[in-house]
Amino acid sequence: FSGIETIRMVRDTDTGIVAFDPPVLGDAAFYNALRA
């Protein structure tokens, strides 16, 4: 989340898809920690 202060949770009014903006993605270290 470096440099990011807030995450917006938004719904696309045309498609109904809900997304988090900006889309912060997990890296390999993050998923390795979860798989533990």
PDB file of all heavy atoms in Angstrom:
ATOM      1  N   PHE A   1       0.819  -1.219   0.000  1.00  0.00           N
ATOM      2  CA  PHE A   1       0.000   0.000   0.000  1.00  0.00           C
ATOM      3  C   PHE A   1       0.852   1.268   0.000  1.00  0.00           C
ATOM      4  O   PHE A   1       0.348   2.352   0.290  1.00  0.00           O
ATOM      5  CB  PHE A   1      -0.914   0.013   1.233  1.00  0.00           C
ATOM      6  CG  PHE A   1      -1.981  -1.036   1.218  1.00  0.00           C
ATOM      7  CD1 PHE A   1      -1.779  -2.259   1.837  1.00  0.00           C
ATOM      8  CD2 PHE A   1      -3.196  -0.810   0.589  1.00  0.00           C
ATOM      9  CE1 PHE A   1      -2.773  -3.227   1.839  1.00  0.00           C
ATOM     10  CE2 PHE A   1      -4.196  -1.773   0.577  1.00  0.00           C
ATOM     11  CZ  PHE A   1      -3.983  -2.987   1.202  1.00  0.00           C
ATOM     12  N   SER A   2       2.123   1.145  -0.314  1.00  0.00           N
ATOM     13  CA  SER A   2       3.035   2.287  -0.276  1.00  0.00           C
ATOM     14  C   SER A   2       2.506   3.447  -1.130  1.00  0.00           C
ATOM     15  O   SER A   2       2.174   3.270  -2.312  1.00  0.00           O
ATOM     16  CB  SER A   2       4.418   1.871  -0.773  1.00  0.00           C
ATOM     17  OG  SER A   2       5.301   2.958  -0.781  1.00  0.00           O
ATOM     18  N   GLY A   3       2.412   4.628  -0.515  1.00  0.00           N
ATOM     19  CA  GLY A   3       1.950   5.811  -1.230  1.00  0.00           C
ATOM     20  C   GLY A   3       0.447   5.916  -1.376  1.00  0.00           C
ATOM     21  O   GLY A   3      -0.055   6.867  -1.991  1.00  0.00           O
ATOM     22  N   ILE A   4      -0.303   4.958  -0.829  1.00  0.00           N
ATOM     23  CA  ILE A   4      -1.768   4.962  -0.950  1.00  0.00           C
ATOM     24  C   ILE A   4      -2.379   5.282   0.405  1.00  0.00           C
ATOM     25  O   ILE A   4      -2.083   4.609   1.398  1.00  0.00           O
ATOM     26  CB  ILE A   4      -2.281   3.593  -1.447  1.00  0.00           C
ATOM     27  CG1 ILE A   4      -1.699   3.279  -2.824  1.00  0.00           C
ATOM     28  CG2 ILE A   4      -3.807   3.563  -1.488  1.00  0.00           C
ATOM     29  CD1 ILE A   4      -2.003   1.877  -3.317  1.00  0.00           C
ATOM     30  N   GLU A   5      -3.214   6.292   0.460  1.00  0.00           N
ATOM     31  CA  GLU A   5      -3.850   6.679   1.720  1.00  0.00           C
ATOM     32  C   GLU A   5      -5.209   6.030   1.905  1.00  0.00           C
ATOM     33  O   GLU A   5      -5.567   5.642   3.017  1.00  0.00           O
ATOM     34  CB  GLU A   5      -3.978   8.200   1.793  1.00  0.00           C
ATOM     35  CG  GLU A   5      -2.640   8.929   1.896  1.00  0.00           C
ATOM     36  CD  GLU A   5      -2.824  10.413   2.141  1.00  0.00           C
ATOM     37  OE1 GLU A   5      -3.998  10.879   2.256  1.00  0.00           O
ATOM     38  OE2 GLU A   5      -1.806  11.119   2.207  1.00  0.00           O
ATOM     39  N   THR A   6      -5.988   5.930   0.831  1.00  0.00           N
ATOM     40  CA  THR A   6      -7.329   5.350   0.932  1.00  0.00           C
ATOM     41  C   THR A   6      -7.599   4.426  -0.254  1.00  0.00           C
ATOM     42  O   THR A   6      -7.029   4.590  -1.336  1.00  0.00           O
ATOM     43  CB  THR A   6      -8.425   6.435   0.963  1.00  0.00           C
ATOM     44  OG1 THR A   6      -8.337   7.231  -0.235  1.00  0.00           O
ATOM     45  CG2 THR A   6      -8.284   7.327   2.182  1.00  0.00           C
ATOM     46  N   ILE A   7      -8.485   3.472  -0.020  1.00  0.00           N
ATOM     47  CA  ILE A   7      -8.976   2.567  -1.055  1.00  0.00           C
ATOM     48  C   ILE A   7     -10.474   2.810  -1.206  1.00  0.00           C
ATOM     49  O   ILE A   7     -11.214   2.772  -0.215  1.00  0.00           O
ATOM     50  CB  ILE A   7      -8.731   1.091  -0.682  1.00  0.00           C
ATOM     51  CG1 ILE A   7      -7.241   0.805  -0.503  1.00  0.00           C
ATOM     52  CG2 ILE A   7      -9.349   0.166  -1.726  1.00  0.00           C
ATOM     53  CD1 ILE A   7      -6.444   0.800  -1.776  1.00  0.00           C
ATOM     54  N   ARG A   8     -10.917   3.065  -2.418  1.00  0.00           N
ATOM     55  CA  ARG A   8     -12.339   3.257  -2.688  1.00  0.00           C
ATOM     56  C   ARG A   8     -12.958   1.932  -3.114  1.00  0.00           C
ATOM     57  O   ARG A   8     -12.410   1.213  -3.943  1.00  0.00           O
ATOM     58  CB  ARG A   8     -12.553   4.304  -3.774  1.00  0.00           C
ATOM     59  CG  ARG A   8     -12.084   5.679  -3.424  1.00  0.00           C
ATOM     60  CD  ARG A   8     -12.096   6.606  -4.633  1.00  0.00           C
ATOM     61  NE  ARG A   8     -13.424   6.730  -5.219  1.00  0.00           N
ATOM     62  CZ  ARG A   8     -13.735   6.357  -6.468  1.00  0.00           C
ATOM     63  NH1 ARG A   8     -12.818   5.797  -7.254  1.00  0.00           N
ATOM     64  NH2 ARG A   8     -14.965   6.519  -6.928  1.00  0.00           N
ATOM     65  N   MET A   9     -14.107   1.615  -2.537  1.00  0.00           N
ATOM     66  CA  MET A   9     -14.880   0.450  -2.945  1.00  0.00           C
ATOM     67  C   MET A   9     -16.028   0.976  -3.801  1.00  0.00           C
ATOM     68  O   MET A   9     -16.874   1.746  -3.333  1.00  0.00           O
ATOM     69  CB  MET A   9     -15.410  -0.284  -1.716  1.00  0.00           C
ATOM     70  CG  MET A   9     -16.128  -1.580  -2.004  1.00  0.00           C
ATOM     71  SD  MET A   9     -16.641  -2.347  -0.426  1.00  0.00           S
ATOM     72  CE  MET A   9     -17.437  -3.834  -1.047  1.00  0.00           C
ATOM     73  N   VAL A  10     -16.025   0.602  -5.099  1.00  0.00           N
ATOM     74  CA  VAL A  10     -16.976   1.184  -6.040  1.00  0.00           C
ATOM     75  C   VAL A  10     -17.717   0.093  -6.801  1.00  0.00           C
ATOM     76  O   VAL A  10     -17.218  -1.022  -6.964  1.00  0.00           O
ATOM     77  CB  VAL A  10     -16.270   2.123  -7.045  1.00  0.00           C
ATOM     78  CG1 VAL A  10     -15.602   3.286  -6.319  1.00  0.00           C
ATOM     79  CG2 VAL A  10     -15.240   1.365  -7.878  1.00  0.00           C
ATOM     80  N   ARG A  11     -18.921   0.438  -7.269  1.00  0.00           N
ATOM     81  CA  ARG A  11     -19.709  -0.474  -8.094  1.00  0.00           C
ATOM     82  C   ARG A  11     -19.867   0.128  -9.476  1.00  0.00           C
ATOM     83  O   ARG A  11     -20.255   1.300  -9.616  1.00  0.00           O
ATOM     84  CB  ARG A  11     -21.084  -0.723  -7.484  1.00  0.00           C
ATOM     85  CG  ARG A  11     -21.952  -1.660  -8.346  1.00  0.00           C
ATOM     86  CD  ARG A  11     -23.371  -1.778  -7.849  1.00  0.00           C
ATOM     87  NE  ARG A  11     -23.472  -2.531  -6.606  1.00  0.00           N
ATOM     88  CZ  ARG A  11     -23.840  -2.020  -5.445  1.00  0.00           C
ATOM     89  NH1 ARG A  11     -24.146  -0.725  -5.359  1.00  0.00           N
ATOM     90  NH2 ARG A  11     -23.907  -2.763  -4.371  1.00  0.00           N
ATOM     91  N   ASP A  12     -19.553  -0.653 -10.506  1.00  0.00           N
ATOM     92  CA  ASP A  12     -19.769  -0.226 -11.885  1.00  0.00           C
ATOM     93  C   ASP A  12     -21.282  -0.207 -12.125  1.00  0.00           C
ATOM     94  O   ASP A  12     -21.946  -1.234 -12.008  1.00  0.00           O
ATOM     95  CB  ASP A  12     -19.079  -1.214 -12.836  1.00  0.00           C
ATOM     96  CG  ASP A  12     -19.125  -0.771 -14.281  1.00  0.00           C
ATOM     97  OD1 ASP A  12     -20.210  -0.406 -14.762  1.00  0.00           O
ATOM     98  OD2 ASP A  12     -18.066  -0.808 -14.932  1.00  0.00           O
ATOM     99  N   THR A  13     -21.825   0.945 -12.468  1.00  0.00           N
ATOM    100  CA  THR A  13     -23.276   1.067 -12.594  1.00  0.00           C
ATOM    101  C   THR A  13     -23.815   0.355 -13.828  1.00  0.00           C
ATOM    102  O   THR A  13     -25.016   0.094 -13.910  1.00  0.00           O
ATOM    103  CB  THR A  13     -23.688   2.549 -12.635  1.00  0.00           C
ATOM    104  OG1 THR A  13     -22.974   3.217 -13.685  1.00  0.00           O
ATOM    105  CG2 THR A  13     -23.366   3.235 -11.307  1.00  0.00           C
ATOM    106  N   ASP A  14     -22.960   0.052 -14.784  1.00  0.00           N
ATOM    107  CA  ASP A  14     -23.402  -0.669 -15.982  1.00  0.00           C
ATOM    108  C   ASP A  14     -23.343  -2.183 -15.801  1.00  0.00           C
ATOM    109  O   ASP A  14     -24.252  -2.899 -16.216  1.00  0.00           O
ATOM    110  CB  ASP A  14     -22.546  -0.273 -17.192  1.00  0.00           C
ATOM    111  CG  ASP A  14     -22.758   1.176 -17.605  1.00  0.00           C
ATOM    112  OD1 ASP A  14     -23.903   1.659 -17.494  1.00  0.00           O
ATOM    113  OD2 ASP A  14     -21.778   1.814 -18.023  1.00  0.00           O
ATOM    114  N   THR A  15     -22.273  -2.673 -15.194  1.00  0.00           N
ATOM    115  CA  THR A  15     -22.072  -4.125 -15.103  1.00  0.00           C
ATOM    116  C   THR A  15     -22.391  -4.705 -13.731  1.00  0.00           C
ATOM    117  O   THR A  15     -22.590  -5.911 -13.607  1.00  0.00           O
ATOM    118  CB  THR A  15     -20.608  -4.484 -15.427  1.00  0.00           C
ATOM    119  OG1 THR A  15     -19.750  -3.939 -14.396  1.00  0.00           O
ATOM    120  CG2 THR A  15     -20.193  -3.909 -16.774  1.00  0.00           C
ATOM    121  N   GLY A  16     -22.401  -3.863 -12.692  1.00  0.00           N
ATOM    122  CA  GLY A  16     -22.625  -4.355 -11.335  1.00  0.00           C
ATOM    123  C   GLY A  16     -21.381  -4.899 -10.666  1.00  0.00           C
ATOM    124  O   GLY A  16     -21.428  -5.322  -9.506  1.00  0.00           O
ATOM    125  N   ILE A  17     -20.256  -4.904 -11.363  1.00  0.00           N
ATOM    126  CA  ILE A  17     -19.009  -5.398 -10.780  1.00  0.00           C
ATOM    127  C   ILE A  17     -18.550  -4.438  -9.690  1.00  0.00           C
ATOM    128  O   ILE A  17     -18.497  -3.221  -9.887  1.00  0.00           O
ATOM    129  CB  ILE A  17     -17.912  -5.531 -11.855  1.00  0.00           C
ATOM    130  CG1 ILE A  17     -18.342  -6.520 -12.937  1.00  0.00           C
ATOM    131  CG2 ILE A  17     -16.593  -5.971 -11.221  1.00  0.00           C
ATOM    132  CD1 ILE A  17     -17.426  -6.543 -14.142  1.00  0.00           C
ATOM    133  N   VAL A  18     -18.229  -4.968  -8.527  1.00  0.00           N
ATOM    134  CA  VAL A  18     -17.687  -4.174  -7.424  1.00  0.00           C
ATOM    135  C   VAL A  18     -16.174  -4.333  -7.434  1.00  0.00           C
ATOM    136  O   VAL A  18     -15.656  -5.443  -7.552  1.00  0.00           O
ATOM    137  CB  VAL A  18     -18.273  -4.624  -6.076  1.00  0.00           C
ATOM    138  CG1 VAL A  18     -17.562  -3.919  -4.916  1.00  0.00           C
ATOM    139  CG2 VAL A  18     -19.769  -4.333  -6.029  1.00  0.00           C
ATOM    140  N   ALA A  19     -15.466  -3.210  -7.340  1.00  0.00           N
ATOM    141  CA  ALA A  19     -14.005  -3.247  -7.393  1.00  0.00           C
ATOM    142  C   ALA A  19     -13.419  -2.306  -6.355  1.00  0.00           C
ATOM    143  O   ALA A  19     -14.069  -1.362  -5.903  1.00  0.00           O
ATOM    144  CB  ALA A  19     -13.522  -2.846  -8.791  1.00  0.00           C
ATOM    145  N   PHE A  20     -12.185  -2.600  -5.982  1.00  0.00           N
ATOM    146  CA  PHE A  20     -11.435  -1.741  -5.079  1.00  0.00           C
ATOM    147  C   PHE A  20     -10.461  -0.910  -5.909  1.00  0.00           C
ATOM    148  O   PHE A  20      -9.739  -1.452  -6.755  1.00  0.00           O
ATOM    149  CB  PHE A  20     -10.685  -2.576  -4.041  1.00  0.00           C
ATOM    150  CG  PHE A  20     -11.587  -3.290  -3.069  1.00  0.00           C
ATOM    151  CD1 PHE A  20     -12.057  -4.565  -3.352  1.00  0.00           C
ATOM    152  CD2 PHE A  20     -11.984  -2.683  -1.886  1.00  0.00           C
ATOM    153  CE1 PHE A  20     -12.897  -5.232  -2.459  1.00  0.00           C
ATOM    154  CE2 PHE A  20     -12.821  -3.337  -0.991  1.00  0.00           C
ATOM    155  CZ  PHE A  20     -13.287  -4.610  -1.280  1.00  0.00           C
ATOM    156  N   ASP A  21     -10.457   0.407  -5.667  1.00  0.00           N
ATOM    157  CA  ASP A  21      -9.670   1.332  -6.462  1.00  0.00           C
ATOM    158  C   ASP A  21      -8.798   2.197  -5.552  1.00  0.00           C
ATOM    159  O   ASP A  21      -9.340   2.868  -4.663  1.00  0.00           O
ATOM    160  CB  ASP A  21     -10.616   2.213  -7.285  1.00  0.00           C
ATOM    161  CG  ASP A  21      -9.882   3.149  -8.229  1.00  0.00           C
ATOM    162  OD1 ASP A  21      -8.780   2.782  -8.680  1.00  0.00           O
ATOM    163  OD2 ASP A  21     -10.410   4.241  -8.494  1.00  0.00           O
ATOM    164  N   PRO A  22      -7.468   2.187  -5.738  1.00  0.00           N
ATOM    165  CA  PRO A  22      -6.727   1.427  -6.748  1.00  0.00           C
ATOM    166  C   PRO A  22      -6.660  -0.063  -6.415  1.00  0.00           C
ATOM    167  O   PRO A  22      -6.774  -0.443  -5.252  1.00  0.00           O
ATOM    168  CB  PRO A  22      -5.335   2.067  -6.684  1.00  0.00           C
ATOM    169  CG  PRO A  22      -5.204   2.568  -5.299  1.00  0.00           C
ATOM    170  CD  PRO A  22      -6.572   3.032  -4.912  1.00  0.00           C
ATOM    171  N   PRO A  23      -6.467  -0.897  -7.441  1.00  0.00           N
ATOM    172  CA  PRO A  23      -6.434  -2.353  -7.231  1.00  0.00           C
ATOM    173  C   PRO A  23      -5.080  -2.807  -6.711  1.00  0.00           C
ATOM    174  O   PRO A  23      -4.167  -3.109  -7.477  1.00  0.00           O
ATOM    175  CB  PRO A  23      -6.714  -2.905  -8.631  1.00  0.00           C
ATOM    176  CG  PRO A  23      -6.177  -1.857  -9.554  1.00  0.00           C
ATOM    177  CD  PRO A  23      -6.381  -0.537  -8.865  1.00  0.00           C
ATOM    178  N   VAL A  24      -4.946  -2.876  -5.401  1.00  0.00           N
ATOM    179  CA  VAL A  24      -3.682  -3.297  -4.780  1.00  0.00           C
ATOM    180  C   VAL A  24      -3.590  -4.820  -4.816  1.00  0.00           C
ATOM    181  O   VAL A  24      -4.450  -5.509  -4.254  1.00  0.00           O
ATOM    182  CB  VAL A  24      -3.587  -2.782  -3.330  1.00  0.00           C
ATOM    183  CG1 VAL A  24      -2.299  -3.267  -2.677  1.00  0.00           C
ATOM    184  CG2 VAL A  24      -3.663  -1.257  -3.311  1.00  0.00           C
ATOM    185  N   LEU A  25      -2.547  -5.339  -5.459  1.00  0.00           N
ATOM    186  CA  LEU A  25      -2.404  -6.779  -5.650  1.00  0.00           C
ATOM    187  C   LEU A  25      -1.395  -7.375  -4.677  1.00  0.00           C
ATOM    188  O   LEU A  25      -0.371  -6.755  -4.368  1.00  0.00           O
ATOM    189  CB  LEU A  25      -1.938  -7.066  -7.086  1.00  0.00           C
ATOM    190  CG  LEU A  25      -2.847  -6.551  -8.212  1.00  0.00           C
ATOM    191  CD1 LEU A  25      -2.159  -6.763  -9.558  1.00  0.00           C
ATOM    192  CD2 LEU A  25      -4.183  -7.242  -8.186  1.00  0.00           C
ATOM    193  N   GLY A  26      -1.662  -8.590  -4.224  1.00  0.00           N
ATOM    194  CA  GLY A  26      -0.722  -9.304  -3.380  1.00  0.00           C
ATOM    195  C   GLY A  26       0.463  -9.808  -4.189  1.00  0.00           C
ATOM    196  O   GLY A  26       0.312 -10.140  -5.373  1.00  0.00           O
ATOM    197  N   ASP A  27       1.639  -9.874  -3.568  1.00  0.00           N
ATOM    198  CA  ASP A  27       2.814 -10.402  -4.241  1.00  0.00           C
ATOM    199  C   ASP A  27       3.078 -11.840  -3.784  1.00  0.00           C
ATOM    200  O   ASP A  27       2.303 -12.414  -3.008  1.00  0.00           O
ATOM    201  CB  ASP A  27       4.032  -9.503  -4.001  1.00  0.00           C
ATOM    202  CG  ASP A  27       4.354  -9.319  -2.518  1.00  0.00           C
ATOM    203  OD1 ASP A  27       3.769 -10.025  -1.676  1.00  0.00           O
ATOM    204  OD2 ASP A  27       5.195  -8.451  -2.206  1.00  0.00           O
ATOM    205  N   ALA A  28       4.174 -12.420  -4.271  1.00  0.00           N
ATOM    206  CA  ALA A  28       4.475 -13.817  -3.951  1.00  0.00           C
ATOM    207  C   ALA A  28       4.647 -14.018  -2.451  1.00  0.00           C
ATOM    208  O   ALA A  28       4.181 -15.020  -1.892  1.00  0.00           O
ATOM    209  CB  ALA A  28       5.727 -14.262  -4.699  1.00  0.00           C
ATOM    210  N   ALA A  29       5.307 -13.067  -1.785  1.00  0.00           N
ATOM    211  CA  ALA A  29       5.518 -13.193  -0.339  1.00  0.00           C
ATOM    212  C   ALA A  29       4.190 -13.192   0.408  1.00  0.00           C
ATOM    213  O   ALA A  29       4.008 -13.939   1.381  1.00  0.00           O
ATOM    214  CB  ALA A  29       6.407 -12.055   0.156  1.00  0.00           C
ATOM    215  N   PHE A  30       3.258 -12.371  -0.054  1.00  0.00           N
ATOM    216  CA  PHE A  30       1.939 -12.294   0.579  1.00  0.00           C
ATOM    217  C   PHE A  30       1.220 -13.642   0.482  1.00  0.00           C
ATOM    218  O   PHE A  30       0.700 -14.163   1.475  1.00  0.00           O
ATOM    219  CB  PHE A  30       1.116 -11.193  -0.088  1.00  0.00           C
ATOM    220  CG  PHE A  30      -0.329 -11.152   0.324  1.00  0.00           C
ATOM    221  CD1 PHE A  30      -0.700 -10.592   1.534  1.00  0.00           C
ATOM    222  CD2 PHE A  30      -1.325 -11.660  -0.502  1.00  0.00           C
ATOM    223  CE1 PHE A  30      -2.033 -10.552   1.926  1.00  0.00           C
ATOM    224  CE2 PHE A  30      -2.654 -11.624  -0.127  1.00  0.00           C
ATOM    225  CZ  PHE A  30      -3.008 -11.056   1.092  1.00  0.00           C
ATOM    226  N   TYR A  31       1.212 -14.238  -0.714  1.00  0.00           N
ATOM    227  CA  TYR A  31       0.491 -15.505  -0.887  1.00  0.00           C
ATOM    228  C   TYR A  31       1.222 -16.678  -0.231  1.00  0.00           C
ATOM    229  O   TYR A  31       0.589 -17.624   0.240  1.00  0.00           O
ATOM    230  CB  TYR A  31       0.228 -15.756  -2.375  1.00  0.00           C
ATOM    231  CG  TYR A  31      -0.939 -14.935  -2.857  1.00  0.00           C
ATOM    232  CD1 TYR A  31      -0.737 -13.771  -3.597  1.00  0.00           C
ATOM    233  CD2 TYR A  31      -2.236 -15.285  -2.511  1.00  0.00           C
ATOM    234  CE1 TYR A  31      -1.812 -13.001  -4.009  1.00  0.00           C
ATOM    235  CE2 TYR A  31      -3.316 -14.520  -2.917  1.00  0.00           C
ATOM    236  CZ  TYR A  31      -3.102 -13.373  -3.663  1.00  0.00           C
ATOM    237  OH  TYR A  31      -4.165 -12.604  -4.041  1.00  0.00           O
ATOM    238  N   ASN A  32       2.528 -16.618  -0.175  1.00  0.00           N
ATOM    239  CA  ASN A  32       3.254 -17.658   0.556  1.00  0.00           C
ATOM    240  C   ASN A  32       2.894 -17.627   2.034  1.00  0.00           C
ATOM    241  O   ASN A  32       2.767 -18.674   2.689  1.00  0.00           O
ATOM    242  CB  ASN A  32       4.758 -17.479   0.371  1.00  0.00           C
ATOM    243  CG  ASN A  32       5.233 -17.926  -1.000  1.00  0.00           C
ATOM    244  OD1 ASN A  32       4.582 -18.731  -1.656  1.00  0.00           O
ATOM    245  ND2 ASN A  32       6.372 -17.396  -1.432  1.00  0.00           N
ATOM    246  N   ALA A  33       2.712 -16.408   2.577  1.00  0.00           N
ATOM    247  CA  ALA A  33       2.321 -16.277   3.985  1.00  0.00           C
ATOM    248  C   ALA A  33       0.920 -16.829   4.210  1.00  0.00           C
ATOM    249  O   ALA A  33       0.655 -17.502   5.215  1.00  0.00           O
ATOM    250  CB  ALA A  33       2.388 -14.811   4.408  1.00  0.00           C
ATOM    251  N   LEU A  34       0.016 -16.597   3.272  1.00  0.00           N
ATOM    252  CA  LEU A  34      -1.339 -17.118   3.410  1.00  0.00           C
ATOM    253  C   LEU A  34      -1.359 -18.638   3.306  1.00  0.00           C
ATOM    254  O   LEU A  34      -2.099 -19.310   4.036  1.00  0.00           O
ATOM    255  CB  LEU A  34      -2.247 -16.517   2.335  1.00  0.00           C
ATOM    256  CG  LEU A  34      -2.907 -15.183   2.640  1.00  0.00           C
ATOM    257  CD1 LEU A  34      -3.781 -14.741   1.468  1.00  0.00           C
ATOM    258  CD2 LEU A  34      -3.742 -15.244   3.917  1.00  0.00           C
ATOM    259  N   ARG A  35      -0.552 -19.182   2.412  1.00  0.00           N
ATOM    260  CA  ARG A  35      -0.545 -20.638   2.232  1.00  0.00           C
ATOM    261  C   ARG A  35       0.013 -21.367   3.444  1.00  0.00           C
ATOM    262  O   ARG A  35      -0.139 -22.587   3.566  1.00  0.00           O
ATOM    263  CB  ARG A  35       0.240 -21.008   0.976  1.00  0.00           C
ATOM    264  CG  ARG A  35      -0.481 -20.651  -0.314  1.00  0.00           C
ATOM    265  CD  ARG A  35       0.161 -21.308  -1.527  1.00  0.00           C
ATOM    266  NE  ARG A  35      -0.561 -20.945  -2.735  1.00  0.00           N
ATOM    267  CZ  ARG A  35      -0.202 -19.970  -3.571  1.00  0.00           C
ATOM    268  NH1 ARG A  35       0.897 -19.282  -3.326  1.00  0.00           N
ATOM    269  NH2 ARG A  35      -0.924 -19.697  -4.639  1.00  0.00           N
ATOM    270  N   ALA A  36       0.659 -20.636   4.331  1.00  0.00           N
ATOM    271  CA  ALA A  36       1.142 -21.263   5.562  1.00  0.00           C
ATOM    272  C   ALA A  36      -0.011 -21.680   6.464  1.00  0.00           C
ATOM    273  O   ALA A  36       0.152 -22.538   7.338  1.00  0.00           O
ATOM    274  CB  ALA A  36       2.070 -20.303   6.309  1.00  0.00           C
TER     275      ALA A  36
END
